């Protein structure tokens, strides 16, 4: 278990399909008593509306209240930041968490991170984690991958980024969508060294 001042995780969600993965990750981190800095791109908010039944408000402060209530989080445990909120802690190496997960991660966002573009807060936050040699996990949800996608992923992997595609396994014989989602979220939590009981370990059944 990390020290209290390290119990903060940045989570980014982009416009790729698979918002269930990101939302479930946020829920699990909150229940594990981590503080979350959440960044939702405008495209992510649109996809959340199309893939889930959530009625996510448009304003950042309202999103914070909505998700805090939805996941029964402590007051202040979850903070949502806007695309251009450059004064937020994630924008600077002196305040950003050591750990960040982008789930799901679009190929456009992955490309921007590989190029160091930092055109919005989410991309800047990822750039900060990279320059501070933190733990950055990207969960791409795309198929098939083009050569450009693969080259960008290889570049980031060589920089120490964990590339964790949303590819669920089926050896646990899932019978519902939630179990498939939990498989991927479990692998993300493993990368963060966070204990969980979301799935049965291979060979331990």
N, C-alpha and C. Protein backbone atom coordinates (compact mmCIF):
# COMPACT_ATOMS: atom_id res chain seq x y z
N UNK A 1 0.85 -1.19 0.00
CA UNK A 1 0.00 0.00 0.00
C UNK A 1 0.88 1.24 0.00
N UNK A 2 0.70 2.15 -0.98
CA UNK A 2 1.56 3.33 -1.05
C UNK A 2 1.26 4.32 0.06
N UNK A 3 2.21 5.21 0.39
CA UNK A 3 1.97 6.24 1.40
C UNK A 3 0.79 7.11 1.01
N UNK A 4 0.23 7.81 1.98
CA UNK A 4 -0.99 8.59 1.74
C UNK A 4 -0.78 9.64 0.67
N UNK A 5 0.41 10.28 0.62
CA UNK A 5 0.62 11.34 -0.37
C UNK A 5 0.80 10.78 -1.77
N UNK A 6 0.85 9.47 -1.93
CA UNK A 6 0.94 8.86 -3.25
C UNK A 6 -0.38 8.20 -3.66
N UNK A 7 -1.40 8.39 -2.86
CA UNK A 7 -2.68 7.74 -3.16
C UNK A 7 -3.55 8.62 -4.06
N UNK A 8 -2.92 9.19 -5.08
CA UNK A 8 -3.63 9.99 -6.06
C UNK A 8 -3.33 9.42 -7.43
N UNK A 9 -4.35 9.21 -8.24
CA UNK A 9 -4.18 8.68 -9.58
C UNK A 9 -4.90 9.60 -10.56
N UNK A 10 -4.20 9.99 -11.63
CA UNK A 10 -4.85 10.73 -12.71
C UNK A 10 -5.48 9.73 -13.67
N UNK A 11 -6.71 9.99 -14.05
CA UNK A 11 -7.40 9.13 -15.01
C UNK A 11 -7.91 10.01 -16.15
N UNK A 12 -7.58 9.62 -17.37
CA UNK A 12 -8.08 10.32 -18.55
C UNK A 12 -8.97 9.41 -19.36
N UNK A 13 -10.03 9.97 -19.91
CA UNK A 13 -10.92 9.23 -20.79
C UNK A 13 -11.07 10.02 -22.09
N UNK A 14 -10.91 9.34 -23.22
CA UNK A 14 -10.98 9.99 -24.52
C UNK A 14 -12.21 9.50 -25.28
N UNK A 15 -12.26 9.85 -26.57
CA UNK A 15 -13.43 9.52 -27.37
C UNK A 15 -13.45 8.14 -27.96
N UNK A 16 -12.51 7.28 -27.60
CA UNK A 16 -12.55 5.89 -28.08
C UNK A 16 -13.72 5.16 -27.43
N UNK A 17 -14.21 4.13 -28.10
CA UNK A 17 -15.26 3.30 -27.50
C UNK A 17 -14.67 2.55 -26.30
N UNK A 18 -15.54 2.18 -25.37
CA UNK A 18 -15.08 1.45 -24.20
C UNK A 18 -15.09 2.29 -22.94
N UNK A 19 -16.03 3.23 -22.85
CA UNK A 19 -16.09 4.08 -21.66
C UNK A 19 -16.39 3.27 -20.40
N UNK A 20 -17.00 2.10 -20.56
CA UNK A 20 -17.29 1.25 -19.40
C UNK A 20 -16.00 0.87 -18.66
N UNK A 21 -14.93 0.67 -19.40
CA UNK A 21 -13.65 0.34 -18.77
C UNK A 21 -13.17 1.49 -17.88
N UNK A 22 -13.20 2.70 -18.42
CA UNK A 22 -12.72 3.85 -17.66
C UNK A 22 -13.57 4.15 -16.45
N UNK A 23 -14.88 4.07 -16.62
CA UNK A 23 -15.78 4.36 -15.50
C UNK A 23 -15.65 3.31 -14.40
N UNK A 24 -15.50 2.06 -14.79
CA UNK A 24 -15.32 0.99 -13.79
C UNK A 24 -13.98 1.16 -13.06
N UNK A 25 -12.96 1.58 -13.79
CA UNK A 25 -11.66 1.84 -13.17
C UNK A 25 -11.78 2.93 -12.11
N UNK A 26 -12.46 4.02 -12.46
CA UNK A 26 -12.66 5.11 -11.51
C UNK A 26 -13.38 4.60 -10.27
N UNK A 27 -14.42 3.82 -10.47
CA UNK A 27 -15.19 3.27 -9.34
C UNK A 27 -14.30 2.42 -8.43
N UNK A 28 -13.49 1.55 -9.04
CA UNK A 28 -12.63 0.67 -8.24
C UNK A 28 -11.56 1.45 -7.49
N UNK A 29 -10.99 2.46 -8.11
CA UNK A 29 -9.96 3.26 -7.44
C UNK A 29 -10.55 4.04 -6.26
N UNK A 30 -11.75 4.57 -6.45
CA UNK A 30 -12.41 5.28 -5.35
C UNK A 30 -12.72 4.35 -4.19
N UNK A 31 -13.20 3.16 -4.49
CA UNK A 31 -13.52 2.20 -3.44
C UNK A 31 -12.27 1.69 -2.73
N UNK A 32 -11.12 1.78 -3.42
CA UNK A 32 -9.84 1.40 -2.80
C UNK A 32 -9.23 2.58 -2.04
N UNK A 33 -9.98 3.67 -1.91
CA UNK A 33 -9.59 4.85 -1.14
C UNK A 33 -8.48 5.65 -1.80
N UNK A 34 -8.45 5.65 -3.13
CA UNK A 34 -7.54 6.53 -3.85
C UNK A 34 -8.26 7.82 -4.21
N UNK A 35 -7.51 8.90 -4.31
CA UNK A 35 -8.06 10.15 -4.80
C UNK A 35 -7.87 10.19 -6.31
N UNK A 36 -8.87 10.69 -7.02
CA UNK A 36 -8.84 10.66 -8.48
C UNK A 36 -8.88 12.07 -9.05
N UNK A 37 -7.94 12.35 -9.96
CA UNK A 37 -8.00 13.53 -10.81
C UNK A 37 -8.48 13.04 -12.18
N UNK A 38 -9.69 13.41 -12.56
CA UNK A 38 -10.31 12.86 -13.77
C UNK A 38 -10.38 13.91 -14.87
N UNK A 39 -9.97 13.51 -16.07
CA UNK A 39 -10.05 14.36 -17.25
C UNK A 39 -10.89 13.67 -18.31
N UNK A 40 -11.95 14.32 -18.72
CA UNK A 40 -12.84 13.78 -19.75
C UNK A 40 -12.78 14.72 -20.95
N UNK A 41 -12.31 14.22 -22.08
CA UNK A 41 -12.34 15.06 -23.27
C UNK A 41 -13.79 15.26 -23.70
N UNK A 42 -14.02 16.24 -24.56
CA UNK A 42 -15.37 16.48 -25.05
C UNK A 42 -15.90 15.26 -25.79
N UNK A 43 -15.01 14.62 -26.55
CA UNK A 43 -15.41 13.40 -27.27
C UNK A 43 -15.78 12.29 -26.29
N UNK A 44 -15.04 12.20 -25.18
CA UNK A 44 -15.35 11.18 -24.17
C UNK A 44 -16.73 11.38 -23.60
N UNK A 45 -17.11 12.63 -23.37
CA UNK A 45 -18.43 12.91 -22.82
C UNK A 45 -19.54 12.50 -23.78
N UNK A 46 -19.29 12.68 -25.07
CA UNK A 46 -20.26 12.25 -26.08
C UNK A 46 -20.39 10.74 -26.08
N UNK A 47 -19.26 10.04 -26.02
CA UNK A 47 -19.28 8.57 -26.05
C UNK A 47 -19.92 8.01 -24.79
N UNK A 48 -19.67 8.63 -23.64
CA UNK A 48 -20.32 8.19 -22.40
C UNK A 48 -21.83 8.25 -22.57
N UNK A 49 -22.31 9.32 -23.19
CA UNK A 49 -23.74 9.45 -23.41
C UNK A 49 -24.31 8.42 -24.35
N UNK A 50 -23.50 7.95 -25.30
CA UNK A 50 -23.99 6.97 -26.28
C UNK A 50 -23.82 5.53 -25.82
N UNK A 51 -22.84 5.27 -24.94
CA UNK A 51 -22.56 3.89 -24.53
C UNK A 51 -23.13 3.53 -23.16
N UNK A 52 -23.57 4.52 -22.40
CA UNK A 52 -24.10 4.25 -21.06
C UNK A 52 -25.41 5.01 -20.86
N UNK A 53 -26.03 4.76 -19.73
CA UNK A 53 -27.26 5.46 -19.38
C UNK A 53 -26.99 6.67 -18.48
N UNK A 54 -25.73 7.01 -18.28
CA UNK A 54 -25.39 8.13 -17.41
C UNK A 54 -25.81 9.46 -18.04
N UNK A 55 -26.36 10.33 -17.22
CA UNK A 55 -26.74 11.67 -17.66
C UNK A 55 -25.69 12.64 -17.15
N UNK A 56 -24.51 12.61 -17.76
CA UNK A 56 -23.39 13.41 -17.29
C UNK A 56 -23.63 14.89 -17.58
N UNK A 57 -23.57 15.75 -16.57
CA UNK A 57 -23.77 17.19 -16.80
C UNK A 57 -22.68 17.77 -17.68
N UNK A 58 -22.91 18.97 -18.18
CA UNK A 58 -21.95 19.60 -19.07
C UNK A 58 -20.82 20.32 -18.37
N UNK A 59 -21.08 20.87 -17.19
CA UNK A 59 -20.06 21.65 -16.48
C UNK A 59 -19.20 20.77 -15.59
N UNK A 60 -17.93 21.15 -15.49
CA UNK A 60 -16.95 20.36 -14.74
C UNK A 60 -17.35 20.21 -13.28
N UNK A 61 -17.75 21.28 -12.64
CA UNK A 61 -18.12 21.22 -11.22
C UNK A 61 -19.31 20.30 -11.02
N UNK A 62 -20.27 20.33 -11.93
CA UNK A 62 -21.44 19.46 -11.84
C UNK A 62 -21.07 18.01 -12.10
N UNK A 63 -20.12 17.79 -12.99
CA UNK A 63 -19.64 16.43 -13.25
C UNK A 63 -18.99 15.85 -11.99
N UNK A 64 -18.22 16.68 -11.31
CA UNK A 64 -17.59 16.23 -10.06
C UNK A 64 -18.64 15.80 -9.05
N UNK A 65 -19.66 16.63 -8.86
CA UNK A 65 -20.72 16.30 -7.91
C UNK A 65 -21.49 15.06 -8.34
N UNK A 66 -21.79 14.96 -9.62
CA UNK A 66 -22.56 13.84 -10.15
C UNK A 66 -21.83 12.52 -9.93
N UNK A 67 -20.55 12.47 -10.29
CA UNK A 67 -19.78 11.22 -10.17
C UNK A 67 -19.46 10.90 -8.71
N UNK A 68 -19.25 11.93 -7.89
CA UNK A 68 -19.03 11.71 -6.46
C UNK A 68 -20.23 11.02 -5.84
N UNK A 69 -21.42 11.49 -6.18
CA UNK A 69 -22.65 10.89 -5.66
C UNK A 69 -22.87 9.50 -6.25
N UNK A 70 -22.61 9.34 -7.55
CA UNK A 70 -22.83 8.06 -8.21
C UNK A 70 -22.00 6.95 -7.58
N UNK A 71 -20.73 7.26 -7.29
CA UNK A 71 -19.82 6.24 -6.77
C UNK A 71 -19.66 6.30 -5.25
N UNK A 72 -20.49 7.13 -4.60
CA UNK A 72 -20.47 7.24 -3.13
C UNK A 72 -19.07 7.55 -2.61
N UNK A 73 -18.40 8.47 -3.29
CA UNK A 73 -17.06 8.87 -2.90
C UNK A 73 -17.10 9.89 -1.78
N UNK A 74 -15.98 10.04 -1.08
CA UNK A 74 -15.86 11.06 -0.06
C UNK A 74 -15.83 12.44 -0.71
N UNK A 75 -16.23 13.44 0.02
CA UNK A 75 -16.15 14.81 -0.47
C UNK A 75 -14.70 15.16 -0.80
N UNK A 76 -14.46 15.59 -2.02
CA UNK A 76 -13.12 15.96 -2.43
C UNK A 76 -12.28 14.80 -2.93
N UNK A 77 -12.79 13.58 -2.87
CA UNK A 77 -12.01 12.42 -3.30
C UNK A 77 -11.88 12.36 -4.83
N UNK A 78 -12.85 12.90 -5.52
CA UNK A 78 -12.85 12.92 -6.98
C UNK A 78 -12.92 14.36 -7.47
N UNK A 79 -12.02 14.72 -8.38
CA UNK A 79 -12.03 16.05 -8.99
C UNK A 79 -11.96 15.91 -10.50
N UNK A 80 -12.89 16.55 -11.19
CA UNK A 80 -12.89 16.55 -12.65
C UNK A 80 -12.29 17.87 -13.12
N UNK A 81 -11.40 17.79 -14.11
CA UNK A 81 -10.77 18.98 -14.67
C UNK A 81 -11.13 19.13 -16.14
N UNK A 82 -11.29 20.36 -16.58
CA UNK A 82 -11.64 20.66 -17.96
C UNK A 82 -10.44 20.61 -18.89
N UNK A 83 -10.71 20.58 -20.20
CA UNK A 83 -9.68 20.46 -21.22
C UNK A 83 -8.60 21.54 -21.13
N UNK A 84 -8.97 22.74 -20.67
CA UNK A 84 -8.03 23.85 -20.66
C UNK A 84 -7.80 24.40 -19.25
N UNK A 85 -7.94 23.55 -18.26
CA UNK A 85 -7.75 23.97 -16.87
C UNK A 85 -6.26 23.86 -16.52
N UNK A 86 -5.48 24.79 -17.06
CA UNK A 86 -4.03 24.69 -16.98
C UNK A 86 -3.48 24.95 -15.58
N UNK A 87 -4.29 25.46 -14.67
CA UNK A 87 -3.83 25.69 -13.30
C UNK A 87 -4.04 24.46 -12.41
N UNK A 88 -4.53 23.36 -12.98
CA UNK A 88 -4.77 22.15 -12.18
C UNK A 88 -3.44 21.46 -11.84
N UNK A 89 -3.41 20.65 -10.78
CA UNK A 89 -2.16 20.00 -10.37
C UNK A 89 -1.52 19.13 -11.45
N UNK A 90 -2.34 18.52 -12.31
CA UNK A 90 -1.80 17.58 -13.31
C UNK A 90 -0.98 18.27 -14.38
N UNK A 91 -1.05 19.60 -14.47
CA UNK A 91 -0.37 20.33 -15.53
C UNK A 91 1.09 20.61 -15.21
N UNK A 92 1.53 20.30 -14.00
CA UNK A 92 2.90 20.62 -13.60
C UNK A 92 3.55 19.46 -12.87
N UNK A 93 4.84 19.28 -13.12
CA UNK A 93 5.57 18.22 -12.45
C UNK A 93 5.63 18.38 -10.95
N UNK A 94 5.43 19.59 -10.46
CA UNK A 94 5.49 19.81 -9.02
C UNK A 94 4.20 19.40 -8.31
N UNK A 95 3.13 19.15 -9.07
CA UNK A 95 1.86 18.81 -8.43
C UNK A 95 1.18 17.58 -8.97
N UNK A 96 1.63 17.08 -10.11
CA UNK A 96 0.95 15.96 -10.75
C UNK A 96 1.21 14.64 -10.02
N UNK A 97 0.24 13.74 -10.01
CA UNK A 97 0.46 12.41 -9.43
C UNK A 97 1.52 11.65 -10.22
N UNK A 98 2.10 10.66 -9.56
CA UNK A 98 3.14 9.83 -10.18
C UNK A 98 2.52 8.82 -11.15
N UNK A 99 1.22 8.60 -11.03
CA UNK A 99 0.54 7.54 -11.79
C UNK A 99 -0.59 8.13 -12.61
N UNK A 100 -0.69 7.68 -13.87
CA UNK A 100 -1.79 8.12 -14.73
C UNK A 100 -2.23 6.97 -15.63
N UNK A 101 -3.54 6.85 -15.82
CA UNK A 101 -4.11 5.87 -16.73
C UNK A 101 -5.03 6.60 -17.70
N UNK A 102 -4.89 6.32 -19.00
CA UNK A 102 -5.82 6.85 -19.99
C UNK A 102 -6.61 5.67 -20.52
N UNK A 103 -7.90 5.64 -20.20
CA UNK A 103 -8.73 4.48 -20.46
C UNK A 103 -10.17 4.91 -20.75
N UNK A 104 -10.66 4.74 -21.96
CA UNK A 104 -9.94 4.24 -23.13
C UNK A 104 -9.09 5.34 -23.75
N UNK A 105 -8.08 4.92 -24.51
CA UNK A 105 -7.17 5.86 -25.15
C UNK A 105 -7.34 5.80 -26.66
N UNK A 106 -7.77 6.89 -27.25
CA UNK A 106 -7.93 6.94 -28.70
C UNK A 106 -6.57 6.97 -29.38
N UNK A 107 -6.54 6.62 -30.66
CA UNK A 107 -5.29 6.66 -31.41
C UNK A 107 -4.83 8.10 -31.60
N UNK A 108 -5.76 9.05 -31.66
CA UNK A 108 -5.38 10.46 -31.78
C UNK A 108 -4.65 10.93 -30.52
N UNK A 109 -5.16 10.54 -29.35
CA UNK A 109 -4.50 10.91 -28.09
C UNK A 109 -3.16 10.22 -27.97
N UNK A 110 -3.11 8.94 -28.32
CA UNK A 110 -1.85 8.20 -28.26
C UNK A 110 -0.80 8.84 -29.16
N UNK A 111 -1.22 9.25 -30.35
CA UNK A 111 -0.32 9.91 -31.28
C UNK A 111 0.19 11.24 -30.72
N UNK A 112 -0.71 12.01 -30.11
CA UNK A 112 -0.33 13.30 -29.54
C UNK A 112 0.68 13.13 -28.41
N UNK A 113 0.47 12.11 -27.58
CA UNK A 113 1.40 11.85 -26.47
C UNK A 113 2.77 11.45 -27.02
N UNK A 114 2.76 10.59 -28.04
CA UNK A 114 4.02 10.15 -28.64
C UNK A 114 4.79 11.31 -29.25
N UNK A 115 4.05 12.33 -29.73
CA UNK A 115 4.68 13.49 -30.35
C UNK A 115 4.96 14.62 -29.36
N UNK A 116 4.47 14.49 -28.12
CA UNK A 116 4.65 15.54 -27.12
C UNK A 116 3.83 16.77 -27.43
N UNK A 117 2.65 16.59 -28.03
CA UNK A 117 1.85 17.73 -28.50
C UNK A 117 1.27 18.57 -27.36
N UNK A 118 0.69 17.95 -26.36
CA UNK A 118 0.14 18.65 -25.19
C UNK A 118 -0.83 19.75 -25.58
N UNK A 119 -1.78 19.44 -26.44
CA UNK A 119 -2.74 20.45 -26.90
C UNK A 119 -3.94 20.60 -25.99
N UNK A 120 -4.14 19.66 -25.07
CA UNK A 120 -5.19 19.81 -24.06
C UNK A 120 -4.63 19.33 -22.73
N UNK A 121 -5.41 19.45 -21.66
CA UNK A 121 -4.90 19.12 -20.33
C UNK A 121 -4.56 17.65 -20.19
N UNK A 122 -5.38 16.78 -20.79
CA UNK A 122 -5.11 15.35 -20.70
C UNK A 122 -3.75 15.01 -21.32
N UNK A 123 -3.49 15.55 -22.50
CA UNK A 123 -2.21 15.29 -23.17
C UNK A 123 -1.05 15.88 -22.37
N UNK A 124 -1.25 17.06 -21.81
CA UNK A 124 -0.21 17.68 -20.99
C UNK A 124 0.06 16.84 -19.74
N UNK A 125 -1.01 16.34 -19.11
CA UNK A 125 -0.84 15.51 -17.92
C UNK A 125 -0.02 14.27 -18.23
N UNK A 126 -0.28 13.65 -19.37
CA UNK A 126 0.49 12.47 -19.78
C UNK A 126 1.95 12.85 -20.03
N UNK A 127 2.17 14.00 -20.65
CA UNK A 127 3.52 14.47 -20.92
C UNK A 127 4.29 14.71 -19.62
N UNK A 128 3.59 15.24 -18.61
CA UNK A 128 4.22 15.48 -17.31
C UNK A 128 4.64 14.16 -16.66
N UNK A 129 3.75 13.18 -16.70
CA UNK A 129 4.10 11.87 -16.11
C UNK A 129 5.31 11.27 -16.82
N UNK A 130 5.36 11.42 -18.15
CA UNK A 130 6.50 10.91 -18.90
C UNK A 130 7.80 11.61 -18.49
N UNK A 131 7.76 12.94 -18.44
CA UNK A 131 9.01 13.68 -18.15
C UNK A 131 9.47 13.47 -16.71
N UNK A 132 8.51 13.19 -15.82
CA UNK A 132 8.86 12.93 -14.42
C UNK A 132 9.15 11.46 -14.16
N UNK A 133 9.14 10.66 -15.25
CA UNK A 133 9.43 9.21 -15.18
C UNK A 133 8.47 8.48 -14.23
N UNK A 134 7.19 8.84 -14.37
CA UNK A 134 6.17 8.18 -13.57
C UNK A 134 5.62 6.95 -14.28
N UNK A 135 4.49 6.49 -13.80
CA UNK A 135 3.86 5.28 -14.32
C UNK A 135 2.66 5.68 -15.18
N UNK A 136 2.82 5.57 -16.50
CA UNK A 136 1.77 5.92 -17.44
C UNK A 136 1.24 4.66 -18.11
N UNK A 137 -0.06 4.44 -18.01
CA UNK A 137 -0.71 3.26 -18.61
C UNK A 137 -1.72 3.74 -19.63
N UNK A 138 -1.60 3.26 -20.87
CA UNK A 138 -2.53 3.60 -21.93
C UNK A 138 -3.33 2.36 -22.32
N UNK A 139 -4.64 2.54 -22.42
CA UNK A 139 -5.53 1.42 -22.75
C UNK A 139 -6.19 1.71 -24.10
N UNK A 140 -5.49 1.37 -25.20
CA UNK A 140 -6.08 1.62 -26.52
C UNK A 140 -7.23 0.67 -26.80
N UNK A 141 -8.26 1.20 -27.45
CA UNK A 141 -9.43 0.39 -27.80
C UNK A 141 -9.70 0.63 -29.28
N UNK A 142 -8.92 -0.06 -30.10
CA UNK A 142 -8.99 0.12 -31.54
C UNK A 142 -8.65 -1.20 -32.22
N UNK A 143 -9.24 -1.45 -33.38
CA UNK A 143 -8.88 -2.62 -34.16
C UNK A 143 -9.35 -2.45 -35.59
N UNK A 144 -8.55 -2.82 -36.57
CA UNK A 144 -7.16 -3.25 -36.45
C UNK A 144 -6.25 -2.05 -36.23
N UNK A 145 -5.01 -2.32 -35.82
CA UNK A 145 -4.02 -1.27 -35.68
C UNK A 145 -3.32 -1.04 -37.01
N UNK A 146 -3.14 0.23 -37.36
CA UNK A 146 -2.33 0.53 -38.55
C UNK A 146 -0.86 0.54 -38.16
N UNK A 147 0.01 0.62 -39.16
CA UNK A 147 1.45 0.69 -38.89
C UNK A 147 1.78 1.94 -38.09
N UNK A 148 1.05 3.04 -38.34
CA UNK A 148 1.27 4.27 -37.58
C UNK A 148 0.93 4.05 -36.11
N UNK A 149 -0.21 3.41 -35.85
CA UNK A 149 -0.60 3.12 -34.47
C UNK A 149 0.48 2.29 -33.77
N UNK A 150 0.93 1.25 -34.45
CA UNK A 150 1.92 0.34 -33.86
C UNK A 150 3.25 1.04 -33.61
N UNK A 151 3.66 1.90 -34.54
CA UNK A 151 4.91 2.64 -34.35
C UNK A 151 4.82 3.60 -33.17
N UNK A 152 3.67 4.25 -33.02
CA UNK A 152 3.49 5.15 -31.88
C UNK A 152 3.50 4.38 -30.56
N UNK A 153 2.84 3.22 -30.53
CA UNK A 153 2.84 2.40 -29.32
C UNK A 153 4.22 1.89 -28.99
N UNK A 154 4.98 1.48 -30.01
CA UNK A 154 6.35 1.00 -29.78
C UNK A 154 7.22 2.13 -29.23
N UNK A 155 7.07 3.32 -29.78
CA UNK A 155 7.84 4.47 -29.31
C UNK A 155 7.57 4.74 -27.83
N UNK A 156 6.29 4.72 -27.46
CA UNK A 156 5.93 4.98 -26.06
C UNK A 156 6.36 3.83 -25.15
N UNK A 157 6.23 2.61 -25.63
CA UNK A 157 6.66 1.46 -24.83
C UNK A 157 8.14 1.54 -24.51
N UNK A 158 8.92 1.98 -25.47
CA UNK A 158 10.37 2.11 -25.25
C UNK A 158 10.69 3.22 -24.25
N UNK A 159 9.73 4.13 -24.05
CA UNK A 159 9.90 5.20 -23.05
C UNK A 159 9.39 4.78 -21.67
N UNK A 160 8.93 3.52 -21.57
CA UNK A 160 8.48 3.02 -20.27
C UNK A 160 6.98 3.04 -20.07
N UNK A 161 6.21 3.44 -21.09
CA UNK A 161 4.77 3.47 -20.98
C UNK A 161 4.21 2.05 -21.09
N UNK A 162 3.24 1.72 -20.26
CA UNK A 162 2.56 0.41 -20.34
C UNK A 162 1.43 0.52 -21.35
N UNK A 163 1.52 -0.26 -22.42
CA UNK A 163 0.47 -0.31 -23.43
C UNK A 163 -0.39 -1.53 -23.13
N UNK A 164 -1.62 -1.29 -22.72
CA UNK A 164 -2.49 -2.35 -22.24
C UNK A 164 -3.81 -2.32 -23.04
N UNK A 165 -3.83 -2.95 -24.22
CA UNK A 165 -5.05 -2.92 -25.02
C UNK A 165 -6.22 -3.56 -24.28
N UNK A 166 -7.41 -3.07 -24.57
CA UNK A 166 -8.62 -3.61 -23.92
C UNK A 166 -8.99 -4.93 -24.57
N UNK A 167 -8.17 -5.94 -24.30
CA UNK A 167 -8.38 -7.29 -24.85
C UNK A 167 -8.69 -8.25 -23.72
N UNK A 168 -9.95 -8.49 -23.42
CA UNK A 168 -10.29 -9.39 -22.30
C UNK A 168 -9.98 -10.84 -22.63
N UNK A 169 -9.60 -11.59 -21.59
CA UNK A 169 -9.44 -13.03 -21.74
C UNK A 169 -10.75 -13.74 -21.42
N UNK A 170 -10.85 -14.99 -21.83
CA UNK A 170 -12.10 -15.72 -21.64
C UNK A 170 -11.90 -17.05 -20.91
N UNK A 171 -10.71 -17.25 -20.32
CA UNK A 171 -10.47 -18.50 -19.61
C UNK A 171 -11.27 -18.58 -18.32
N UNK A 172 -11.76 -17.43 -17.82
CA UNK A 172 -12.63 -17.46 -16.64
C UNK A 172 -14.10 -17.68 -17.01
N UNK A 173 -14.34 -17.85 -18.30
CA UNK A 173 -15.69 -18.10 -18.81
C UNK A 173 -16.71 -17.06 -18.33
N UNK A 174 -16.51 -15.80 -18.71
CA UNK A 174 -17.45 -14.76 -18.28
C UNK A 174 -18.83 -15.00 -18.87
N UNK A 175 -19.85 -14.70 -18.09
CA UNK A 175 -21.23 -14.90 -18.54
C UNK A 175 -21.99 -13.58 -18.68
N UNK A 176 -21.31 -12.46 -18.38
CA UNK A 176 -21.95 -11.16 -18.53
C UNK A 176 -20.91 -10.11 -18.89
N UNK A 177 -21.38 -9.02 -19.45
CA UNK A 177 -20.48 -7.96 -19.91
C UNK A 177 -19.65 -7.41 -18.77
N UNK A 178 -20.23 -7.28 -17.58
CA UNK A 178 -19.51 -6.73 -16.44
C UNK A 178 -18.25 -7.52 -16.12
N UNK A 179 -18.30 -8.83 -16.29
CA UNK A 179 -17.13 -9.67 -16.01
C UNK A 179 -16.04 -9.43 -17.05
N UNK A 180 -16.43 -9.17 -18.29
CA UNK A 180 -15.46 -8.87 -19.34
C UNK A 180 -14.78 -7.53 -19.06
N UNK A 181 -15.58 -6.56 -18.65
CA UNK A 181 -15.02 -5.25 -18.28
C UNK A 181 -14.07 -5.39 -17.10
N UNK A 182 -14.47 -6.15 -16.10
CA UNK A 182 -13.64 -6.32 -14.90
C UNK A 182 -12.31 -6.98 -15.22
N UNK A 183 -12.27 -7.85 -16.22
CA UNK A 183 -11.01 -8.51 -16.59
C UNK A 183 -9.99 -7.47 -16.99
N UNK A 184 -10.39 -6.53 -17.85
CA UNK A 184 -9.46 -5.49 -18.32
C UNK A 184 -9.09 -4.55 -17.18
N UNK A 185 -10.07 -4.15 -16.38
CA UNK A 185 -9.79 -3.25 -15.25
C UNK A 185 -8.85 -3.92 -14.27
N UNK A 186 -9.00 -5.22 -14.07
CA UNK A 186 -8.11 -5.95 -13.17
C UNK A 186 -6.66 -5.88 -13.66
N UNK A 187 -6.46 -5.99 -14.96
CA UNK A 187 -5.11 -5.92 -15.49
C UNK A 187 -4.51 -4.52 -15.34
N UNK A 188 -5.37 -3.51 -15.42
CA UNK A 188 -4.91 -2.13 -15.18
C UNK A 188 -4.48 -1.98 -13.73
N UNK A 189 -5.31 -2.45 -12.81
CA UNK A 189 -4.98 -2.36 -11.39
C UNK A 189 -3.70 -3.12 -11.07
N UNK A 190 -3.46 -4.23 -11.75
CA UNK A 190 -2.21 -4.97 -11.58
C UNK A 190 -1.02 -4.10 -11.95
N UNK A 191 -1.14 -3.32 -13.03
CA UNK A 191 -0.05 -2.44 -13.45
C UNK A 191 0.23 -1.35 -12.42
N UNK A 192 -0.80 -1.03 -11.65
CA UNK A 192 -0.65 0.01 -10.61
C UNK A 192 -0.30 -0.58 -9.25
N UNK A 193 -0.16 -1.91 -9.18
CA UNK A 193 0.12 -2.60 -7.92
C UNK A 193 -0.95 -2.35 -6.87
N UNK A 194 -2.21 -2.37 -7.32
CA UNK A 194 -3.35 -2.18 -6.43
C UNK A 194 -4.09 -3.50 -6.27
N UNK A 195 -4.28 -3.93 -5.03
CA UNK A 195 -4.97 -5.20 -4.78
C UNK A 195 -6.43 -5.12 -5.22
N UNK A 196 -6.94 -6.25 -5.67
CA UNK A 196 -8.34 -6.33 -6.10
C UNK A 196 -8.77 -7.79 -6.11
N UNK A 197 -10.07 -8.00 -6.23
CA UNK A 197 -10.61 -9.35 -6.37
C UNK A 197 -11.58 -9.40 -7.55
N UNK A 198 -11.25 -8.68 -8.61
CA UNK A 198 -12.13 -8.58 -9.76
C UNK A 198 -12.17 -9.83 -10.62
N UNK A 199 -11.11 -10.63 -10.55
CA UNK A 199 -11.07 -11.84 -11.37
C UNK A 199 -10.24 -12.91 -10.67
N UNK A 200 -10.47 -14.14 -11.09
CA UNK A 200 -9.71 -15.26 -10.52
C UNK A 200 -8.36 -15.33 -11.21
N UNK A 201 -7.29 -15.48 -10.42
CA UNK A 201 -5.94 -15.54 -10.95
C UNK A 201 -5.71 -16.87 -11.67
N UNK A 202 -4.94 -16.81 -12.75
CA UNK A 202 -4.63 -18.01 -13.50
C UNK A 202 -3.86 -19.00 -12.64
N UNK A 203 -4.31 -20.24 -12.62
CA UNK A 203 -3.65 -21.28 -11.87
C UNK A 203 -3.94 -21.29 -10.37
N UNK A 204 -4.83 -20.39 -9.91
CA UNK A 204 -5.12 -20.32 -8.48
C UNK A 204 -6.54 -20.76 -8.17
N UNK A 205 -7.20 -21.31 -9.17
CA UNK A 205 -8.60 -21.70 -8.98
C UNK A 205 -8.74 -23.02 -8.24
